[in-house]
C-alpha cells in the first residue's frame, strides 16, 4: 500500500519513539489518530507487538484494516482498529505501554481531553509520543517531537493557549534529526 507522506519524520520518527519506549513483543501500543495505519503496521511488523489504532474517519480505518488484511490469524489477534473519537478512547484504563499522536494532537477539537484520555489509557509511567507540525504558507514544517510520561500528563492544568508551553515543560526530548 502506497503511503502519502502527511507527516514529517515518517516511520523513522515512529522507530525513534519505539526505541525510546523499549518495545517488546508483549508491548501494547495505541495510535491516536492512526489514519491508514502506517505507524502501527510498522510497529506490529518490526516489534511483533500488540497494536491498536483509533481514528474518527471510517475511510481511514477501512484503509488501515486493508493494510493488515494478509496477516496470519494468530497475529491478527494483536491488532485492533476502531473508528473512535480520541477524546473518548474505547479502551480500559492502563491498557497501553505507549501512545502515539503523530501530527494529530493539534487537529483534535479538544486537545486537552485527548491528552487526558492518553493519560488514562497509558499504564503508569507509559510514554506518550507527540509530534506536531507548524505551517508556513502552504508548507508544513516539524515544530517538535517529544515524549512524555503518563504521570506528567495527569497533572496538566486546564488548557487553552498554554498547551504547548505546558507540554514542553513536562516532556523528555527525543531527537528530531529525521524531520
N, C-alpha and C. Protein backbone atom coordinates (compact mmCIF):
# COMPACT_ATOMS: atom_id res chain seq x y z
N UNK A 1 0.84 -1.17 0.00
CA UNK A 1 0.00 0.00 0.00
C UNK A 1 0.89 1.24 0.00
N UNK A 2 0.68 2.11 -0.96
CA UNK A 2 1.47 3.33 -1.08
C UNK A 2 0.98 4.36 -0.06
N UNK A 3 1.91 4.95 0.67
CA UNK A 3 1.55 5.95 1.66
C UNK A 3 1.83 7.34 1.13
N UNK A 4 0.92 8.24 1.37
CA UNK A 4 1.15 9.65 1.11
C UNK A 4 1.78 10.19 2.38
N UNK A 5 2.91 10.87 2.26
CA UNK A 5 3.61 11.35 3.45
C UNK A 5 2.92 12.61 3.97
N UNK A 6 2.11 12.43 5.00
CA UNK A 6 1.36 13.53 5.58
C UNK A 6 2.02 14.08 6.84
N UNK A 7 3.09 13.46 7.25
CA UNK A 7 3.76 13.93 8.46
C UNK A 7 5.26 13.85 8.31
N UNK A 8 5.96 14.86 8.77
CA UNK A 8 7.43 14.83 8.71
C UNK A 8 7.98 13.71 9.60
N UNK A 9 9.11 13.20 9.22
CA UNK A 9 9.76 12.18 10.04
C UNK A 9 9.42 10.77 9.61
N UNK A 10 8.21 10.56 9.13
CA UNK A 10 7.79 9.25 8.66
C UNK A 10 8.03 8.15 9.67
N UNK A 11 8.30 6.95 9.17
CA UNK A 11 8.48 5.79 10.04
C UNK A 11 9.78 5.85 10.84
N UNK A 12 10.73 6.67 10.38
CA UNK A 12 11.95 6.83 11.17
C UNK A 12 11.62 7.45 12.53
N UNK A 13 10.72 8.41 12.54
CA UNK A 13 10.32 9.04 13.80
C UNK A 13 9.54 8.07 14.67
N UNK A 14 8.70 7.24 14.05
CA UNK A 14 7.97 6.20 14.78
C UNK A 14 8.95 5.22 15.43
N UNK A 15 10.00 4.87 14.71
CA UNK A 15 11.02 3.96 15.24
C UNK A 15 11.75 4.59 16.42
N UNK A 16 12.02 5.87 16.36
CA UNK A 16 12.66 6.57 17.48
C UNK A 16 11.77 6.45 18.73
N UNK A 17 10.47 6.65 18.56
CA UNK A 17 9.54 6.51 19.70
C UNK A 17 9.54 5.09 20.23
N UNK A 18 9.52 4.11 19.33
CA UNK A 18 9.51 2.70 19.75
C UNK A 18 10.77 2.34 20.53
N UNK A 19 11.91 2.79 20.04
CA UNK A 19 13.17 2.51 20.75
C UNK A 19 13.22 3.20 22.10
N UNK A 20 12.74 4.44 22.16
CA UNK A 20 12.73 5.17 23.44
C UNK A 20 11.80 4.48 24.44
N UNK A 21 10.72 3.89 23.95
CA UNK A 21 9.77 3.20 24.82
C UNK A 21 10.19 1.75 25.11
N UNK A 22 11.24 1.27 24.47
CA UNK A 22 11.76 -0.09 24.63
C UNK A 22 10.65 -1.12 24.40
N UNK A 23 10.07 -1.08 23.20
CA UNK A 23 9.00 -2.01 22.87
C UNK A 23 9.50 -3.45 22.79
N UNK A 24 8.63 -4.36 23.20
CA UNK A 24 8.88 -5.79 23.09
C UNK A 24 7.65 -6.44 22.46
N UNK A 25 7.69 -7.75 22.26
CA UNK A 25 6.53 -8.44 21.69
C UNK A 25 5.32 -8.40 22.63
N UNK A 26 5.54 -8.13 23.90
CA UNK A 26 4.45 -8.05 24.86
C UNK A 26 3.89 -6.65 25.02
N UNK A 27 4.51 -5.67 24.37
CA UNK A 27 4.06 -4.27 24.49
C UNK A 27 2.74 -4.06 23.76
N UNK A 28 1.96 -3.11 24.28
CA UNK A 28 0.71 -2.69 23.66
C UNK A 28 0.82 -1.22 23.30
N UNK A 29 0.56 -0.90 22.03
CA UNK A 29 0.73 0.46 21.52
C UNK A 29 -0.60 0.98 20.99
N UNK A 30 -0.93 2.22 21.32
CA UNK A 30 -2.13 2.88 20.81
C UNK A 30 -1.71 4.06 19.94
N UNK A 31 -2.24 4.12 18.74
CA UNK A 31 -2.03 5.26 17.84
C UNK A 31 -3.33 6.05 17.82
N UNK A 32 -3.29 7.25 18.37
CA UNK A 32 -4.47 8.11 18.48
C UNK A 32 -4.50 9.04 17.26
N UNK A 33 -5.35 8.68 16.30
CA UNK A 33 -5.38 9.37 15.02
C UNK A 33 -4.52 8.60 14.04
N UNK A 34 -4.79 7.30 13.94
CA UNK A 34 -3.91 6.38 13.20
C UNK A 34 -3.97 6.53 11.70
N UNK A 35 -4.97 7.22 11.17
CA UNK A 35 -5.07 7.33 9.72
C UNK A 35 -5.16 5.96 9.08
N UNK A 36 -4.34 5.73 8.08
CA UNK A 36 -4.37 4.45 7.36
C UNK A 36 -3.53 3.36 8.02
N UNK A 37 -3.00 3.64 9.20
CA UNK A 37 -2.33 2.61 9.98
C UNK A 37 -0.86 2.37 9.68
N UNK A 38 -0.20 3.28 8.99
CA UNK A 38 1.21 3.06 8.62
C UNK A 38 2.10 2.86 9.84
N UNK A 39 1.94 3.69 10.86
CA UNK A 39 2.81 3.60 12.04
C UNK A 39 2.60 2.31 12.81
N UNK A 40 1.34 1.96 13.06
CA UNK A 40 1.11 0.74 13.85
C UNK A 40 1.43 -0.51 13.04
N UNK A 41 1.24 -0.46 11.73
CA UNK A 41 1.66 -1.60 10.91
C UNK A 41 3.17 -1.78 11.03
N UNK A 42 3.90 -0.70 10.95
CA UNK A 42 5.36 -0.74 11.08
C UNK A 42 5.76 -1.33 12.45
N UNK A 43 5.15 -0.85 13.52
CA UNK A 43 5.50 -1.35 14.86
C UNK A 43 5.11 -2.81 15.02
N UNK A 44 3.94 -3.18 14.52
CA UNK A 44 3.47 -4.57 14.60
C UNK A 44 4.41 -5.48 13.82
N UNK A 45 4.83 -5.05 12.66
CA UNK A 45 5.71 -5.85 11.80
C UNK A 45 7.12 -5.94 12.38
N UNK A 46 7.67 -4.83 12.83
CA UNK A 46 9.06 -4.78 13.31
C UNK A 46 9.24 -5.30 14.73
N UNK A 47 8.25 -5.09 15.60
CA UNK A 47 8.40 -5.44 17.01
C UNK A 47 7.49 -6.60 17.43
N UNK A 48 6.61 -7.05 16.55
CA UNK A 48 5.68 -8.14 16.84
C UNK A 48 4.84 -7.83 18.08
N UNK A 49 4.55 -6.54 18.29
CA UNK A 49 3.81 -6.11 19.48
C UNK A 49 2.31 -6.03 19.18
N UNK A 50 1.54 -5.82 20.21
CA UNK A 50 0.10 -5.62 20.09
C UNK A 50 -0.13 -4.16 19.73
N UNK A 51 -1.01 -3.91 18.76
CA UNK A 51 -1.26 -2.54 18.32
C UNK A 51 -2.75 -2.25 18.26
N UNK A 52 -3.08 -1.01 18.52
CA UNK A 52 -4.46 -0.54 18.37
C UNK A 52 -4.39 0.84 17.73
N UNK A 53 -5.32 1.08 16.84
CA UNK A 53 -5.40 2.38 16.21
C UNK A 53 -6.82 2.88 16.26
N UNK A 54 -6.96 4.16 16.59
CA UNK A 54 -8.27 4.79 16.53
C UNK A 54 -8.18 5.99 15.59
N UNK A 55 -9.26 6.22 14.90
CA UNK A 55 -9.35 7.38 14.02
C UNK A 55 -10.83 7.69 13.85
N UNK A 56 -11.15 8.97 13.69
CA UNK A 56 -12.55 9.36 13.53
C UNK A 56 -13.06 9.13 12.11
N UNK A 57 -12.16 8.79 11.19
CA UNK A 57 -12.53 8.59 9.80
C UNK A 57 -12.80 7.12 9.48
N UNK A 58 -14.01 6.85 9.05
CA UNK A 58 -14.38 5.48 8.65
C UNK A 58 -13.50 5.01 7.49
N UNK A 59 -13.21 5.91 6.53
CA UNK A 59 -12.38 5.55 5.39
C UNK A 59 -10.94 5.23 5.82
N UNK A 60 -10.41 6.00 6.74
CA UNK A 60 -9.05 5.74 7.22
C UNK A 60 -8.97 4.39 7.92
N UNK A 61 -9.94 4.08 8.75
CA UNK A 61 -9.95 2.79 9.45
C UNK A 61 -10.09 1.65 8.45
N UNK A 62 -10.92 1.82 7.43
CA UNK A 62 -11.05 0.79 6.38
C UNK A 62 -9.71 0.57 5.68
N UNK A 63 -9.00 1.65 5.38
CA UNK A 63 -7.68 1.53 4.74
C UNK A 63 -6.68 0.86 5.67
N UNK A 64 -6.75 1.18 6.97
CA UNK A 64 -5.85 0.55 7.94
C UNK A 64 -6.14 -0.95 8.02
N UNK A 65 -7.40 -1.33 8.04
CA UNK A 65 -7.76 -2.75 8.07
C UNK A 65 -7.27 -3.46 6.82
N UNK A 66 -7.34 -2.80 5.68
CA UNK A 66 -6.85 -3.39 4.43
C UNK A 66 -5.35 -3.63 4.50
N UNK A 67 -4.64 -2.75 5.15
CA UNK A 67 -3.19 -2.88 5.29
C UNK A 67 -2.83 -4.18 6.03
N UNK A 68 -3.66 -4.57 6.98
CA UNK A 68 -3.40 -5.77 7.79
C UNK A 68 -4.08 -7.02 7.23
N UNK A 69 -4.75 -6.91 6.11
CA UNK A 69 -5.58 -7.99 5.56
C UNK A 69 -4.84 -9.32 5.44
N UNK A 70 -3.59 -9.31 5.04
CA UNK A 70 -2.85 -10.55 4.80
C UNK A 70 -2.14 -11.12 6.03
N UNK A 71 -2.37 -10.52 7.18
CA UNK A 71 -1.73 -11.02 8.41
C UNK A 71 -2.30 -12.39 8.75
N UNK A 72 -1.44 -13.28 9.30
CA UNK A 72 -1.96 -14.59 9.68
C UNK A 72 -2.90 -14.44 10.87
N UNK A 73 -3.80 -15.39 11.02
CA UNK A 73 -4.88 -15.26 12.01
C UNK A 73 -4.38 -15.12 13.44
N UNK A 74 -3.29 -15.79 13.79
CA UNK A 74 -2.76 -15.68 15.15
C UNK A 74 -2.25 -14.26 15.41
N UNK A 75 -1.54 -13.70 14.45
CA UNK A 75 -1.03 -12.33 14.62
C UNK A 75 -2.13 -11.29 14.51
N UNK A 76 -3.23 -11.62 13.82
CA UNK A 76 -4.34 -10.66 13.72
C UNK A 76 -4.96 -10.39 15.08
N UNK A 77 -4.83 -11.33 16.00
CA UNK A 77 -5.38 -11.11 17.35
C UNK A 77 -4.63 -10.00 18.08
N UNK A 78 -3.49 -9.57 17.55
CA UNK A 78 -2.70 -8.50 18.16
C UNK A 78 -3.06 -7.13 17.60
N UNK A 79 -4.12 -7.04 16.79
CA UNK A 79 -4.46 -5.80 16.08
C UNK A 79 -5.89 -5.39 16.39
N UNK A 80 -6.06 -4.13 16.79
CA UNK A 80 -7.41 -3.56 16.98
C UNK A 80 -7.46 -2.24 16.24
N UNK A 81 -8.40 -2.08 15.36
CA UNK A 81 -8.60 -0.85 14.60
C UNK A 81 -10.05 -0.43 14.77
N UNK A 82 -10.25 0.78 15.31
CA UNK A 82 -11.59 1.20 15.70
C UNK A 82 -11.85 2.63 15.25
N UNK A 83 -13.01 2.86 14.66
CA UNK A 83 -13.44 4.23 14.38
C UNK A 83 -13.90 4.81 15.71
N UNK A 84 -13.18 5.82 16.19
CA UNK A 84 -13.48 6.39 17.50
C UNK A 84 -12.91 7.79 17.62
N UNK A 85 -13.48 8.54 18.53
CA UNK A 85 -13.03 9.88 18.88
C UNK A 85 -11.91 9.76 19.91
N UNK A 86 -10.79 10.40 19.66
CA UNK A 86 -9.64 10.31 20.58
C UNK A 86 -9.94 10.94 21.94
N UNK A 87 -10.98 11.74 22.03
CA UNK A 87 -11.37 12.32 23.32
C UNK A 87 -12.20 11.33 24.14
N UNK A 88 -12.56 10.20 23.54
CA UNK A 88 -13.35 9.15 24.21
C UNK A 88 -12.82 7.79 23.75
N UNK A 89 -11.64 7.43 24.22
CA UNK A 89 -10.97 6.21 23.78
C UNK A 89 -11.70 4.98 24.33
N UNK A 90 -12.08 4.05 23.46
CA UNK A 90 -12.87 2.89 23.87
C UNK A 90 -12.04 1.73 24.43
N UNK A 91 -11.10 2.05 25.31
CA UNK A 91 -10.28 1.03 25.96
C UNK A 91 -10.24 1.30 27.45
N UNK A 92 -10.04 0.26 28.25
CA UNK A 92 -9.98 0.43 29.70
C UNK A 92 -8.74 1.22 30.15
N UNK A 93 -8.80 1.69 31.37
CA UNK A 93 -7.66 2.38 31.99
C UNK A 93 -6.42 1.48 31.94
N UNK A 94 -5.26 2.10 31.84
CA UNK A 94 -3.96 1.41 31.92
C UNK A 94 -3.84 0.23 30.95
N UNK A 95 -4.26 0.42 29.71
CA UNK A 95 -4.22 -0.64 28.70
C UNK A 95 -2.97 -0.65 27.84
N UNK A 96 -2.23 0.46 27.78
CA UNK A 96 -1.16 0.59 26.79
C UNK A 96 0.18 0.98 27.41
N UNK A 97 1.24 0.49 26.76
CA UNK A 97 2.61 0.80 27.18
C UNK A 97 3.14 2.05 26.48
N UNK A 98 2.57 2.39 25.33
CA UNK A 98 2.99 3.55 24.55
C UNK A 98 1.78 4.07 23.79
N UNK A 99 1.62 5.38 23.77
CA UNK A 99 0.60 6.01 22.92
C UNK A 99 1.31 6.96 21.97
N UNK A 100 0.82 6.99 20.74
CA UNK A 100 1.37 7.87 19.70
C UNK A 100 0.33 8.89 19.28
N UNK A 101 0.78 10.12 19.06
CA UNK A 101 0.00 11.15 18.39
C UNK A 101 0.95 11.80 17.41
N UNK A 102 1.01 11.24 16.23
CA UNK A 102 1.95 11.73 15.22
C UNK A 102 1.25 12.75 14.33
N UNK A 103 1.53 14.01 14.61
CA UNK A 103 0.94 15.13 13.88
C UNK A 103 -0.58 15.11 13.93
N UNK A 104 -1.13 14.71 15.08
CA UNK A 104 -2.59 14.70 15.22
C UNK A 104 -3.09 15.57 16.36
N UNK A 105 -2.31 15.79 17.40
CA UNK A 105 -2.81 16.50 18.58
C UNK A 105 -3.42 17.85 18.23
N UNK A 106 -2.78 18.59 17.36
CA UNK A 106 -3.28 19.92 17.01
C UNK A 106 -4.52 19.87 16.12
N UNK A 107 -4.89 18.69 15.63
CA UNK A 107 -6.08 18.55 14.79
C UNK A 107 -7.34 18.22 15.58
N UNK A 108 -7.17 17.75 16.80
CA UNK A 108 -8.33 17.36 17.61
C UNK A 108 -9.10 18.59 18.09
N UNK A 109 -10.43 18.47 18.15
CA UNK A 109 -11.28 19.58 18.58
C UNK A 109 -10.98 19.98 20.02
N UNK A 110 -10.67 19.01 20.88
CA UNK A 110 -10.39 19.29 22.29
C UNK A 110 -9.08 18.59 22.68
N UNK A 111 -7.93 19.20 22.35
CA UNK A 111 -6.64 18.55 22.63
C UNK A 111 -6.44 18.17 24.09
N UNK A 112 -6.95 18.96 25.01
CA UNK A 112 -6.77 18.65 26.43
C UNK A 112 -7.51 17.37 26.80
N UNK A 113 -8.72 17.19 26.28
CA UNK A 113 -9.48 15.96 26.55
C UNK A 113 -8.73 14.76 25.98
N UNK A 114 -8.11 14.93 24.83
CA UNK A 114 -7.34 13.84 24.21
C UNK A 114 -6.12 13.50 25.06
N UNK A 115 -5.45 14.51 25.58
CA UNK A 115 -4.30 14.27 26.47
C UNK A 115 -4.74 13.55 27.75
N UNK A 116 -5.89 13.95 28.30
CA UNK A 116 -6.40 13.25 29.50
C UNK A 116 -6.70 11.79 29.18
N UNK A 117 -7.27 11.53 28.00
CA UNK A 117 -7.55 10.15 27.61
C UNK A 117 -6.26 9.35 27.44
N UNK A 118 -5.26 9.99 26.86
CA UNK A 118 -3.96 9.30 26.73
C UNK A 118 -3.43 8.92 28.10
N UNK A 119 -3.50 9.85 29.05
CA UNK A 119 -3.04 9.56 30.41
C UNK A 119 -3.84 8.42 31.03
N UNK A 120 -5.12 8.39 30.77
CA UNK A 120 -5.99 7.35 31.34
C UNK A 120 -5.66 5.96 30.80
N UNK A 121 -5.44 5.85 29.49
CA UNK A 121 -5.23 4.52 28.91
C UNK A 121 -3.78 4.04 28.97
N UNK A 122 -2.86 4.95 29.31
CA UNK A 122 -1.46 4.52 29.45
C UNK A 122 -1.23 3.87 30.81
N UNK A 123 -0.41 2.85 30.83
CA UNK A 123 -0.01 2.24 32.09
C UNK A 123 0.85 3.23 32.85
N UNK A 124 0.94 3.11 34.18
CA UNK A 124 1.77 4.06 34.93
C UNK A 124 3.19 4.14 34.37
N UNK A 125 3.63 5.35 34.09
CA UNK A 125 4.96 5.57 33.53
C UNK A 125 5.03 5.37 32.03
N UNK A 126 3.93 4.94 31.41
CA UNK A 126 3.92 4.71 29.96
C UNK A 126 4.06 6.02 29.21
N UNK A 127 4.91 6.06 28.19
CA UNK A 127 5.13 7.32 27.48
C UNK A 127 4.09 7.61 26.40
N UNK A 128 3.88 8.89 26.19
CA UNK A 128 3.09 9.40 25.07
C UNK A 128 4.07 10.09 24.14
N UNK A 129 4.06 9.69 22.87
CA UNK A 129 4.91 10.31 21.88
C UNK A 129 4.05 11.27 21.07
N UNK A 130 4.45 12.55 21.06
CA UNK A 130 3.72 13.59 20.35
C UNK A 130 4.65 14.24 19.35
N UNK A 131 4.23 14.28 18.10
CA UNK A 131 4.94 15.10 17.13
C UNK A 131 3.92 16.09 16.59
N UNK A 132 4.39 17.25 16.21
CA UNK A 132 3.48 18.29 15.73
C UNK A 132 4.15 19.07 14.62
N UNK A 133 3.34 19.69 13.81
CA UNK A 133 3.84 20.49 12.69
C UNK A 133 3.40 21.94 12.86
N UNK A 134 4.09 22.81 12.18
CA UNK A 134 3.66 24.20 12.09
C UNK A 134 3.60 24.54 10.62
N UNK A 135 2.77 25.50 10.28
CA UNK A 135 2.55 25.85 8.88
C UNK A 135 3.23 27.19 8.58
N UNK A 136 3.92 27.24 7.44
CA UNK A 136 4.49 28.47 6.91
C UNK A 136 3.98 28.57 5.48
N UNK A 137 2.94 29.37 5.29
CA UNK A 137 2.29 29.40 3.99
C UNK A 137 1.60 28.07 3.76
N UNK A 138 1.88 27.44 2.65
CA UNK A 138 1.25 26.15 2.35
C UNK A 138 2.16 24.97 2.68
N UNK A 139 3.27 25.23 3.35
CA UNK A 139 4.25 24.17 3.65
C UNK A 139 4.21 23.84 5.13
N UNK A 140 4.18 22.53 5.45
CA UNK A 140 4.24 22.09 6.84
C UNK A 140 5.68 21.80 7.22
N UNK A 141 6.09 22.28 8.38
CA UNK A 141 7.42 22.02 8.92
C UNK A 141 7.27 21.37 10.29
N UNK A 142 8.21 20.52 10.67
CA UNK A 142 8.13 19.95 12.02
C UNK A 142 8.33 21.03 13.06
N UNK A 143 7.46 21.06 14.05
CA UNK A 143 7.61 22.01 15.15
C UNK A 143 8.39 21.37 16.27
N UNK A 144 8.00 20.16 16.62
CA UNK A 144 8.73 19.42 17.65
C UNK A 144 8.21 18.00 17.71
N UNK A 145 9.05 17.16 18.24
CA UNK A 145 8.67 15.78 18.50
C UNK A 145 9.12 15.50 19.92
N UNK A 146 8.23 15.06 20.75
CA UNK A 146 8.52 14.92 22.17
C UNK A 146 7.88 13.65 22.72
N UNK A 147 8.40 13.24 23.86
CA UNK A 147 7.84 12.11 24.57
C UNK A 147 7.63 12.52 26.01
N UNK A 148 6.50 12.16 26.58
CA UNK A 148 6.25 12.46 27.97
C UNK A 148 5.72 11.24 28.69
N UNK A 149 5.88 11.26 29.98
CA UNK A 149 5.45 10.16 30.83
C UNK A 149 3.99 10.37 31.23
N UNK A 150 3.21 9.30 31.34
CA UNK A 150 1.79 9.43 31.65
C UNK A 150 1.54 10.08 33.00
N UNK A 151 2.46 9.93 33.95
CA UNK A 151 2.25 10.56 35.25
C UNK A 151 2.29 12.08 35.13
N UNK A 152 3.07 12.61 34.21
CA UNK A 152 3.09 14.06 33.97
C UNK A 152 1.80 14.52 33.32
N UNK A 153 1.26 13.70 32.41
CA UNK A 153 0.03 14.07 31.72
C UNK A 153 -1.13 14.28 32.67
N UNK A 154 -1.25 13.42 33.66
CA UNK A 154 -2.40 13.50 34.56
C UNK A 154 -2.37 14.74 35.44
N UNK A 155 -1.23 15.42 35.52
CA UNK A 155 -1.11 16.62 36.35
C UNK A 155 -1.27 17.91 35.56
N UNK A 156 -1.59 17.81 34.27
CA UNK A 156 -1.68 19.01 33.45
C UNK A 156 -2.90 19.84 33.83
N UNK A 157 -2.71 21.16 33.92
CA UNK A 157 -3.83 22.05 34.25
C UNK A 157 -4.75 22.23 33.05
N UNK A 158 -5.81 22.96 33.22
CA UNK A 158 -6.70 23.28 32.10
C UNK A 158 -5.93 23.98 31.01
N UNK A 159 -6.35 23.81 29.81
CA UNK A 159 -5.59 24.12 28.62
C UNK A 159 -5.61 25.54 28.08
N UNK A 160 -6.34 26.12 27.37
CA UNK A 160 -6.31 26.78 26.07
C UNK A 160 -4.95 27.18 25.51
N UNK A 161 -4.53 28.45 25.65
CA UNK A 161 -3.37 28.94 24.92
C UNK A 161 -2.04 28.36 25.43
N UNK A 162 -2.02 27.87 26.62
CA UNK A 162 -0.76 27.41 27.19
C UNK A 162 -0.45 25.95 26.88
N UNK A 163 -1.19 25.33 25.96
CA UNK A 163 -1.00 23.90 25.70
C UNK A 163 0.44 23.55 25.41
N UNK A 164 1.05 24.16 24.40
CA UNK A 164 2.41 23.77 24.04
C UNK A 164 3.42 24.15 25.10
N UNK A 165 3.22 25.29 25.76
CA UNK A 165 4.13 25.67 26.85
C UNK A 165 4.07 24.63 27.97
N UNK A 166 2.86 24.24 28.35
CA UNK A 166 2.70 23.25 29.41
C UNK A 166 3.28 21.91 29.01
N UNK A 167 2.98 21.48 27.80
CA UNK A 167 3.51 20.20 27.33
C UNK A 167 5.03 20.25 27.30
N UNK A 168 5.59 21.32 26.77
CA UNK A 168 7.05 21.42 26.64
C UNK A 168 7.75 21.34 27.99
N UNK A 169 7.14 21.88 29.02
CA UNK A 169 7.75 21.85 30.34
C UNK A 169 7.79 20.45 30.94
N UNK A 170 6.98 19.53 30.43
CA UNK A 170 6.86 18.20 31.02
C UNK A 170 7.40 17.09 30.13
N UNK A 171 8.04 17.43 29.04
CA UNK A 171 8.46 16.43 28.07
C UNK A 171 9.90 16.02 28.21
N UNK A 172 10.17 14.82 27.74
CA UNK A 172 11.52 14.33 27.62
C UNK A 172 11.90 14.49 26.15
N UNK A 173 12.96 15.23 25.83
CA UNK A 173 13.30 15.44 24.43
C UNK A 173 13.63 14.14 23.69
N UNK A 174 13.22 14.09 22.44
CA UNK A 174 13.55 13.00 21.55
C UNK A 174 14.16 13.64 20.31
N UNK A 175 15.20 13.06 19.78
CA UNK A 175 15.87 13.62 18.61
C UNK A 175 14.89 13.82 17.47
N UNK A 176 14.99 14.96 16.79
CA UNK A 176 14.14 15.22 15.64
C UNK A 176 14.98 15.38 14.37
N UNK A 177 16.15 14.78 14.34
CA UNK A 177 17.03 14.88 13.19
C UNK A 177 16.39 14.36 11.90
N UNK A 178 15.42 13.46 12.02
CA UNK A 178 14.82 12.88 10.83
C UNK A 178 13.73 13.76 10.25
N UNK A 179 13.34 14.80 10.94
CA UNK A 179 12.25 15.67 10.45
C UNK A 179 12.71 16.61 9.37
